[in-house]
Amino acid sequence: MKGILQLAFKLLVNDSAKFTALLVGITFAVFLMVEMTSLFAGILNKSSSTVINVGAKMWVMDPAVQTIASSIGMPDYVLDAVRSTDGVKYAVPLYSGTALVKLRDGTYQAVTVIGLDDASLFGWPVMKQGKIEDIYAENGFVAIDDAEFVKLKNPTLGTDFELNDHRGVIVGIATVASSGLFGTPTLYTTYKRAVTYIPTTRYTTSYILVEPKSAADIAHIKQVVQSLGYVAFTKKEFMARISHFYKYETGLGTNIMLMTVISFIVGLSISGQTFYTFILENLEKFGALKAIGAKRHELIAMILFQATFTALTGYGLGIGLCAALISLARIRIPDYAAIITFGNLALAFAMVVVIAAMSSYLGIRRVLSIEPFDIFRG
């Protein structure tokens, strides 16, 4: 069998034109599939950036909330009721909203404002400059140093701005695990200052962050919150809810899926047709092998080896090309969303296996149908 596989390898690579065409087709298909799904994964990750950065185990919110950006205010009694629920270690309010700030040079910039609980500052970011306690200073805000930081004109400690006729001062610069999706810089401040500076509706509590005493208490907390007319989600559940919204209730998921399917069809058609042409051009060699005693399973092994080797090589090249281009894009575009996940790699691998299987099937059918007599007669 080893000799048969060596012969199959030589037959494959000696026809450099066909081998290159096969690699290009599969590489291009894998590149498109991974690029599209990676971009989608990056968008979904950024859509849950506040959930990731704050890190609360449970989130209480209005049932109509679908994304972190579409918060609906809750009355204060909900916070009191949650705090008094059995199994709750502590619960704090969180403000999440948008505002328009006037920078020092007179330009206006939309920002996302996160208001942390005044007493605990639960969910505060990792400080890069300054101390988190400085957020209590008059007009104090902490700017997040991410891809959108430059839109604030790269502020330093002491830089001031205007927010709804209120003066704001940068008292700290911090970093977070994930930057936002909508291309707006993020400012952290206290909950009280956020609801004072920014025009709000009657109710100002966007979310209630809950720390359960144990995992066993989560179900009871959810039940109590539901009886109040609101919902409680764990961190993973809330992220899944946000992802579901972008996947199925916007055109984003459908567009990405169509592009992935088109990439698969392109790869399948190119590789299938090219591999079948390769088999036809080498039909005499397969017929000769059959005539000198090559068994049926050995011919099948040759074709499977050739298709698998080509598919896996193209898969590796496609992944490498995608990773290289994403890295280059991030150098030029810091907020580029694409991230390669194990799920993306697994999906692309599964599709490559299908491409290899279909290509092999076409080749095997043709090779097994030939008769050595016909080859030598020709």
Protein backbone atom coordinates (compact mmCIF):
# COMPACT_ATOMS: atom_id res chain seq x y z
CA MET A 1 0.00 0.00 0.00
CA LYS A 2 2.88 2.37 0.72
CA GLY A 3 4.16 2.00 -2.83
CA ILE A 4 0.69 2.63 -4.23
CA LEU A 5 0.38 5.85 -2.24
CA GLN A 6 3.84 7.00 -3.36
CA LEU A 7 2.79 6.40 -6.94
CA ALA A 8 -0.43 8.34 -6.37
CA PHE A 9 1.57 11.25 -4.95
CA LYS A 10 3.93 11.31 -7.96
CA LEU A 11 1.02 11.18 -10.39
CA LEU A 12 -0.56 14.12 -8.59
CA VAL A 13 2.38 16.50 -8.25
CA ASN A 14 3.97 15.69 -11.61
CA ASP A 15 1.00 17.32 -13.32
CA SER A 16 1.90 20.69 -11.85
CA ALA A 17 -0.73 22.66 -13.77
CA LYS A 18 -3.65 20.54 -12.54
CA PHE A 19 -2.22 20.28 -9.04
CA THR A 20 -1.84 24.06 -8.83
CA ALA A 21 -5.37 24.59 -10.11
CA LEU A 22 -6.73 22.21 -7.47
CA LEU A 23 -4.81 23.98 -4.69
CA VAL A 24 -5.89 27.43 -5.87
CA GLY A 25 -9.56 26.43 -5.99
CA ILE A 26 -9.62 24.89 -2.53
CA THR A 27 -7.41 27.61 -1.00
CA PHE A 28 -9.64 30.33 -2.38
CA ALA A 29 -12.80 28.58 -1.15
CA VAL A 30 -11.36 28.04 2.35
CA PHE A 31 -10.14 31.62 2.49
CA LEU A 32 -13.58 32.99 1.67
CA MET A 33 -15.37 30.64 4.08
CA VAL A 34 -13.05 31.40 6.99
CA GLU A 35 -12.94 35.12 6.25
CA MET A 36 -16.72 35.45 6.15
CA THR A 37 -17.36 33.35 9.25
CA SER A 38 -14.48 35.04 11.12
CA LEU A 39 -15.90 38.46 10.32
CA PHE A 40 -19.28 37.32 11.62
CA ALA A 41 -17.72 35.87 14.77
CA GLY A 42 -15.87 39.14 15.38
CA ILE A 43 -19.05 41.17 14.95
CA LEU A 44 -20.93 38.92 17.41
CA ASN A 45 -18.08 39.21 19.88
CA LYS A 46 -18.02 43.00 19.64
CA SER A 47 -21.80 43.18 19.97
CA SER A 48 -21.44 41.70 23.47
CA SER A 49 -18.41 43.80 24.41
CA THR A 50 -20.06 45.53 27.39
CA VAL A 51 -21.26 42.19 28.76
CA ILE A 52 -17.73 40.79 28.43
CA ASN A 53 -16.02 43.86 29.89
CA VAL A 54 -18.33 44.29 32.90
CA GLY A 55 -18.19 40.58 33.66
CA ALA A 56 -21.31 40.28 35.84
CA LYS A 57 -22.60 36.73 36.34
CA MET A 58 -26.27 37.72 35.98
CA TRP A 59 -28.06 40.56 34.23
CA VAL A 60 -31.59 41.73 35.06
CA MET A 61 -33.42 43.70 32.36
CA ASP A 62 -36.69 44.50 30.67
CA PRO A 63 -38.00 41.55 28.60
CA ALA A 64 -37.99 43.69 25.44
CA VAL A 65 -34.22 44.18 25.52
CA GLN A 66 -32.50 42.37 22.64
CA THR A 67 -29.03 43.92 22.61
CA ILE A 68 -26.88 45.69 25.16
CA ALA A 69 -27.37 48.95 23.24
CA SER A 70 -31.18 48.83 23.41
CA SER A 71 -31.54 49.13 27.16
CA ILE A 72 -34.91 50.00 28.70
CA GLY A 73 -35.02 51.75 32.06
CA MET A 74 -36.35 49.96 35.13
CA PRO A 75 -37.88 51.54 38.27
CA ASP A 76 -35.89 51.57 41.51
CA TYR A 77 -38.15 49.07 43.27
CA VAL A 78 -36.83 46.32 40.97
CA LEU A 79 -33.32 46.86 42.32
CA ASP A 80 -34.61 46.74 45.90
CA ALA A 81 -36.58 43.57 45.21
CA VAL A 82 -33.61 41.83 43.61
CA ARG A 83 -31.34 42.79 46.49
CA SER A 84 -33.77 41.27 48.97
CA THR A 85 -34.07 37.99 47.04
CA ASP A 86 -32.73 34.86 48.70
CA GLY A 87 -29.55 33.69 47.02
CA VAL A 88 -28.40 37.16 45.93
CA LYS A 89 -25.00 38.07 47.29
CA TYR A 90 -25.25 41.62 46.00
CA ALA A 91 -26.94 43.56 43.19
CA VAL A 92 -25.92 46.91 41.72
CA PRO A 93 -27.38 49.20 39.02
CA LEU A 94 -25.65 49.89 35.73
CA TYR A 95 -26.29 52.76 33.32
CA SER A 96 -25.61 52.17 29.63
CA GLY A 97 -26.36 54.83 27.06
CA THR A 98 -25.05 57.09 24.33
CA ALA A 99 -24.27 60.77 24.34
CA LEU A 100 -22.78 63.49 22.16
CA VAL A 101 -19.70 65.19 23.58
CA LYS A 102 -18.07 68.40 22.43
CA LEU A 103 -14.30 68.03 22.33
CA ARG A 104 -11.79 70.73 23.11
CA ASP A 105 -11.30 71.64 19.43
CA GLY A 106 -15.04 72.23 19.02
CA THR A 107 -15.89 69.02 17.17
CA TYR A 108 -18.66 66.70 18.34
CA GLN A 109 -18.26 62.98 18.87
CA ALA A 110 -20.81 60.30 19.79
CA VAL A 111 -19.74 58.17 22.75
CA THR A 112 -20.99 55.24 24.77
CA VAL A 113 -21.28 56.06 28.47
CA ILE A 114 -21.18 53.35 31.13
CA GLY A 115 -22.30 54.45 34.59
CA LEU A 116 -20.92 52.23 37.37
CA ASP A 117 -22.50 51.79 40.78
CA ASP A 118 -21.28 54.67 42.96
CA ALA A 119 -20.65 52.54 46.02
CA SER A 120 -18.83 49.53 44.52
CA LEU A 121 -17.79 50.59 40.99
CA PHE A 122 -18.55 46.99 40.03
CA GLY A 123 -17.37 46.25 36.49
CA TRP A 124 -14.67 48.91 36.38
CA PRO A 125 -12.04 48.50 33.62
CA VAL A 126 -8.33 47.79 33.99
CA MET A 127 -6.62 51.10 34.62
CA LYS A 128 -3.73 52.06 32.37
CA GLN A 129 -3.20 55.60 33.67
CA GLY A 130 -4.64 57.17 36.80
CA LYS A 131 -6.52 55.43 39.62
CA ILE A 132 -10.09 54.22 39.52
CA GLU A 133 -10.83 56.20 42.70
CA ASP A 134 -10.29 59.38 40.68
CA ILE A 135 -13.63 58.70 39.00
CA TYR A 136 -15.23 60.21 42.12
CA ALA A 137 -13.51 63.53 41.38
CA GLU A 138 -15.66 66.37 40.14
CA ASN A 139 -16.69 65.76 36.52
CA GLY A 140 -14.52 62.63 36.42
CA PHE A 141 -14.60 60.22 33.44
CA VAL A 142 -12.38 57.28 32.48
CA ALA A 143 -11.65 56.90 28.76
CA ILE A 144 -11.15 53.46 27.24
CA ASP A 145 -8.00 53.10 25.17
CA ASP A 146 -9.22 50.93 22.31
CA ALA A 147 -9.47 51.26 18.54
CA GLU A 148 -11.92 54.17 18.90
CA PHE A 149 -9.75 56.12 21.36
CA VAL A 150 -8.32 58.34 18.61
CA LYS A 151 -11.81 59.70 17.90
CA LEU A 152 -11.54 61.53 21.24
CA LYS A 153 -8.35 63.18 19.88
CA ASN A 154 -6.13 60.94 22.04
CA PRO A 155 -6.96 62.60 25.37
CA THR A 156 -4.56 62.60 28.30
CA LEU A 157 -5.19 62.94 32.02
CA GLY A 158 -6.80 66.32 32.61
CA THR A 159 -8.29 66.68 29.12
CA ASP A 160 -11.74 68.20 29.39
CA PHE A 161 -14.83 68.11 27.18
CA GLU A 162 -18.45 69.15 27.27
CA LEU A 163 -21.39 66.78 27.66
CA ASN A 164 -24.87 68.27 27.54
CA ASP A 165 -23.65 71.60 28.95
CA HIS A 166 -21.74 69.77 31.69
CA ARG A 167 -17.96 69.78 31.94
CA GLY A 168 -16.23 66.41 31.86
CA VAL A 169 -12.61 65.68 32.72
CA ILE A 170 -10.55 62.60 31.81
CA VAL A 171 -9.18 61.35 35.14
CA GLY A 172 -8.04 57.95 33.92
CA ILE A 173 -7.31 55.88 30.85
CA ALA A 174 -8.16 52.18 30.91
CA THR A 175 -8.28 49.08 28.75
CA VAL A 176 -11.01 46.47 28.28
CA ALA A 177 -11.15 42.95 26.88
CA SER A 178 -13.31 43.82 23.87
CA SER A 179 -13.95 47.07 22.03
CA GLY A 180 -17.45 48.06 20.93
CA LEU A 181 -19.21 47.24 17.69
CA PHE A 182 -20.64 50.58 16.65
CA GLY A 183 -17.42 52.56 16.25
CA THR A 184 -17.95 54.90 19.20
CA PRO A 185 -15.46 55.61 22.00
CA THR A 186 -16.40 54.50 25.50
CA LEU A 187 -16.38 56.57 28.68
CA TYR A 188 -16.88 55.22 32.20
CA THR A 189 -18.20 57.32 35.06
CA THR A 190 -20.33 56.90 38.15
CA TYR A 191 -24.00 55.94 37.86
CA LYS A 192 -25.18 59.15 39.53
CA ARG A 193 -23.11 61.37 37.25
CA ALA A 194 -24.25 59.49 34.13
CA VAL A 195 -27.96 59.94 34.87
CA THR A 196 -27.36 63.57 35.86
CA TYR A 197 -25.38 64.56 32.77
CA ILE A 198 -27.33 62.62 30.15
CA PRO A 199 -31.03 63.18 29.38
CA THR A 200 -32.91 60.04 30.36
CA THR A 201 -36.41 58.65 30.53
CA ARG A 202 -38.41 58.39 33.74
CA TYR A 203 -36.52 55.27 34.84
CA THR A 204 -32.72 55.36 34.74
CA THR A 205 -31.53 51.87 35.68
CA SER A 206 -30.50 50.20 32.41
CA TYR A 207 -29.47 46.89 33.95
CA ILE A 208 -29.11 45.32 37.36
CA LEU A 209 -25.93 43.31 37.83
CA VAL A 210 -26.38 40.38 40.19
CA GLU A 211 -23.84 38.22 41.97
CA PRO A 212 -25.54 34.99 43.13
CA LYS A 213 -24.31 33.26 46.26
CA SER A 214 -23.97 30.01 44.32
CA ALA A 215 -24.86 28.53 40.95
CA ALA A 216 -27.76 26.70 42.58
CA ASP A 217 -29.42 30.04 43.41
CA ILE A 218 -29.61 31.19 39.79
CA ALA A 219 -32.88 29.39 39.03
CA HIS A 220 -34.59 30.89 42.08
CA ILE A 221 -33.36 34.39 41.25
CA LYS A 222 -34.71 34.04 37.69
CA GLN A 223 -38.08 32.94 39.05
CA VAL A 224 -38.35 35.91 41.43
CA VAL A 225 -37.30 38.40 38.73
CA GLN A 226 -39.85 36.92 36.34
CA SER A 227 -42.58 37.38 38.93
CA LEU A 228 -41.68 41.09 38.92
CA GLY A 229 -42.28 41.28 35.17
CA TYR A 230 -38.59 41.31 34.20
CA VAL A 231 -36.03 38.74 33.08
CA ALA A 232 -32.66 37.63 34.42
CA PHE A 233 -29.97 36.09 32.23
CA THR A 234 -26.59 34.65 33.01
CA LYS A 235 -23.64 36.19 31.18
CA LYS A 236 -23.62 33.40 28.58
CA GLU A 237 -27.39 33.56 28.11
CA PHE A 238 -27.35 37.31 27.56
CA MET A 239 -24.52 36.99 25.02
CA ALA A 240 -26.47 34.23 23.26
CA ARG A 241 -29.55 36.48 23.17
CA ILE A 242 -27.55 39.27 21.57
CA SER A 243 -26.02 36.86 19.06
CA HIS A 244 -29.45 35.47 18.20
CA PHE A 245 -30.69 38.97 17.43
CA TYR A 246 -27.86 39.71 15.00
CA LYS A 247 -28.05 36.25 13.41
CA TYR A 248 -31.77 35.97 12.80
CA GLU A 249 -33.39 39.38 13.21
CA THR A 250 -31.04 41.41 11.04
CA GLY A 251 -29.80 40.81 7.50
CA LEU A 252 -26.26 40.25 8.77
CA GLY A 253 -26.55 36.53 9.47
CA THR A 254 -28.29 35.80 6.16
CA ASN A 255 -25.70 37.70 4.13
CA ILE A 256 -22.79 35.94 5.82
CA MET A 257 -24.45 32.55 5.33
CA LEU A 258 -25.00 33.22 1.62
CA MET A 259 -21.39 34.25 1.14
CA THR A 260 -20.20 31.11 2.93
CA VAL A 261 -22.43 28.87 0.80
CA ILE A 262 -21.27 30.60 -2.38
CA SER A 263 -17.63 30.07 -1.33
CA PHE A 264 -18.34 26.39 -0.75
CA ILE A 265 -20.00 26.01 -4.15
CA VAL A 266 -17.09 27.77 -5.87
CA GLY A 267 -14.55 25.50 -4.18
CA LEU A 268 -16.58 22.38 -4.89
CA SER A 269 -17.10 23.20 -8.57
CA ILE A 270 -13.50 24.20 -9.26
CA SER A 271 -11.87 21.32 -7.39
CA GLY A 272 -14.41 18.74 -8.55
CA GLN A 273 -14.09 19.64 -12.21
CA THR A 274 -10.29 19.96 -12.07
CA PHE A 275 -9.84 16.67 -10.21
CA TYR A 276 -12.13 14.87 -12.63
CA THR A 277 -10.13 16.25 -15.56
CA PHE A 278 -6.96 15.07 -13.84
CA ILE A 279 -8.42 11.56 -13.56
CA LEU A 280 -9.41 11.52 -17.24
CA GLU A 281 -5.93 12.58 -18.34
CA ASN A 282 -4.37 9.83 -16.24
CA LEU A 283 -6.93 7.18 -17.13
CA GLU A 284 -4.39 5.16 -19.10
CA LYS A 285 -2.09 4.96 -16.08
CA PHE A 286 -4.91 3.75 -13.84
CA GLY A 287 -5.92 1.23 -16.50
CA ALA A 288 -2.36 -0.05 -16.73
CA LEU A 289 -2.22 -0.47 -12.96
CA LYS A 290 -5.48 -2.38 -13.10
CA ALA A 291 -4.09 -4.59 -15.86
CA ILE A 292 -0.96 -5.55 -13.94
CA GLY A 293 -2.96 -6.60 -10.90
CA ALA A 294 -3.80 -3.49 -8.87
CA LYS A 295 -6.78 -4.34 -6.72
CA ARG A 296 -9.97 -2.34 -6.52
CA HIS A 297 -9.30 -1.05 -2.99
CA GLU A 298 -5.78 0.03 -4.00
CA LEU A 299 -7.11 2.20 -6.82
CA ILE A 300 -9.69 3.67 -4.47
CA ALA A 301 -6.93 4.37 -1.91
CA MET A 302 -4.88 6.18 -4.57
CA ILE A 303 -7.74 8.51 -5.50
CA LEU A 304 -8.73 9.13 -1.88
CA PHE A 305 -5.12 9.92 -1.03
CA GLN A 306 -4.81 12.37 -3.90
CA ALA A 307 -8.07 14.15 -3.07
CA THR A 308 -7.34 14.22 0.68
CA PHE A 309 -3.76 15.46 0.24
CA THR A 310 -4.90 18.26 -2.07
CA ALA A 311 -7.82 19.23 0.17
CA LEU A 312 -5.75 19.35 3.37
CA THR A 313 -2.95 21.29 1.67
CA GLY A 314 -5.46 23.79 0.30
CA TYR A 315 -7.11 23.98 3.72
CA GLY A 316 -3.83 24.87 5.39
CA LEU A 317 -2.96 27.45 2.74
CA GLY A 318 -6.42 29.00 2.98
CA ILE A 319 -6.24 29.30 6.78
CA GLY A 320 -2.75 30.77 6.59
CA LEU A 321 -3.78 33.30 3.93
CA CYS A 322 -6.84 34.34 5.93
CA ALA A 323 -4.84 34.72 9.16
CA ALA A 324 -2.19 36.79 7.38
CA LEU A 325 -4.73 39.12 5.77
CA ILE A 326 -6.64 39.59 9.05
CA SER A 327 -3.36 40.47 10.79
CA LEU A 328 -2.48 42.97 8.06
CA ALA A 329 -5.99 44.45 8.17
CA ARG A 330 -5.73 44.98 11.94
CA ILE A 331 -2.49 46.88 11.46
CA ARG A 332 -4.19 49.24 9.05
CA ILE A 333 -7.67 49.17 10.65
CA PRO A 334 -7.36 48.71 14.44
CA ASP A 335 -11.09 48.10 14.96
CA TYR A 336 -11.30 45.38 12.29
CA ALA A 337 -13.75 42.88 13.76
CA ALA A 338 -12.73 39.51 12.28
CA ILE A 339 -11.49 36.81 14.65
CA ILE A 340 -10.71 33.19 13.76
CA THR A 341 -12.38 30.75 16.16
CA PHE A 342 -12.29 26.98 16.50
CA GLY A 343 -15.86 26.92 15.22
CA ASN A 344 -14.81 28.71 12.01
CA LEU A 345 -11.95 26.27 11.49
CA ALA A 346 -14.20 23.27 12.14
CA LEU A 347 -16.85 24.52 9.69
CA ALA A 348 -14.27 25.13 6.97
CA PHE A 349 -12.70 21.72 7.62
CA ALA A 350 -16.08 20.00 7.34
CA MET A 351 -16.74 21.73 4.02
CA VAL A 352 -13.28 20.78 2.76
CA VAL A 353 -13.99 17.15 3.67
CA VAL A 354 -17.20 17.34 1.62
CA ILE A 355 -15.28 18.84 -1.30
CA ALA A 356 -12.68 16.06 -1.08
CA ALA A 357 -15.40 13.39 -0.82
CA MET A 358 -17.30 14.67 -3.87
CA SER A 359 -14.11 14.98 -5.92
CA SER A 360 -13.07 11.45 -4.91
CA TYR A 361 -16.47 10.03 -5.75
CA LEU A 362 -16.33 11.38 -9.30
CA GLY A 363 -12.83 10.03 -9.81
CA ILE A 364 -13.52 6.62 -8.26
CA ARG A 365 -16.58 6.03 -10.42
CA ARG A 366 -14.62 6.76 -13.59
CA VAL A 367 -11.57 4.69 -12.67
CA LEU A 368 -13.51 1.61 -11.53
CA SER A 369 -15.55 1.64 -14.72
CA ILE A 370 -12.57 1.33 -17.09
CA GLU A 371 -11.44 -1.95 -18.54
CA PRO A 372 -7.72 -2.60 -19.16
CA PHE A 373 -8.59 -4.11 -22.58
CA ASP A 374 -10.09 -0.80 -23.69
CA ILE A 375 -6.97 1.09 -22.61
CA PHE A 376 -4.52 -1.15 -24.44
CA ARG A 377 -6.75 -1.42 -27.50
CA GLY A 378 -6.70 2.37 -27.77
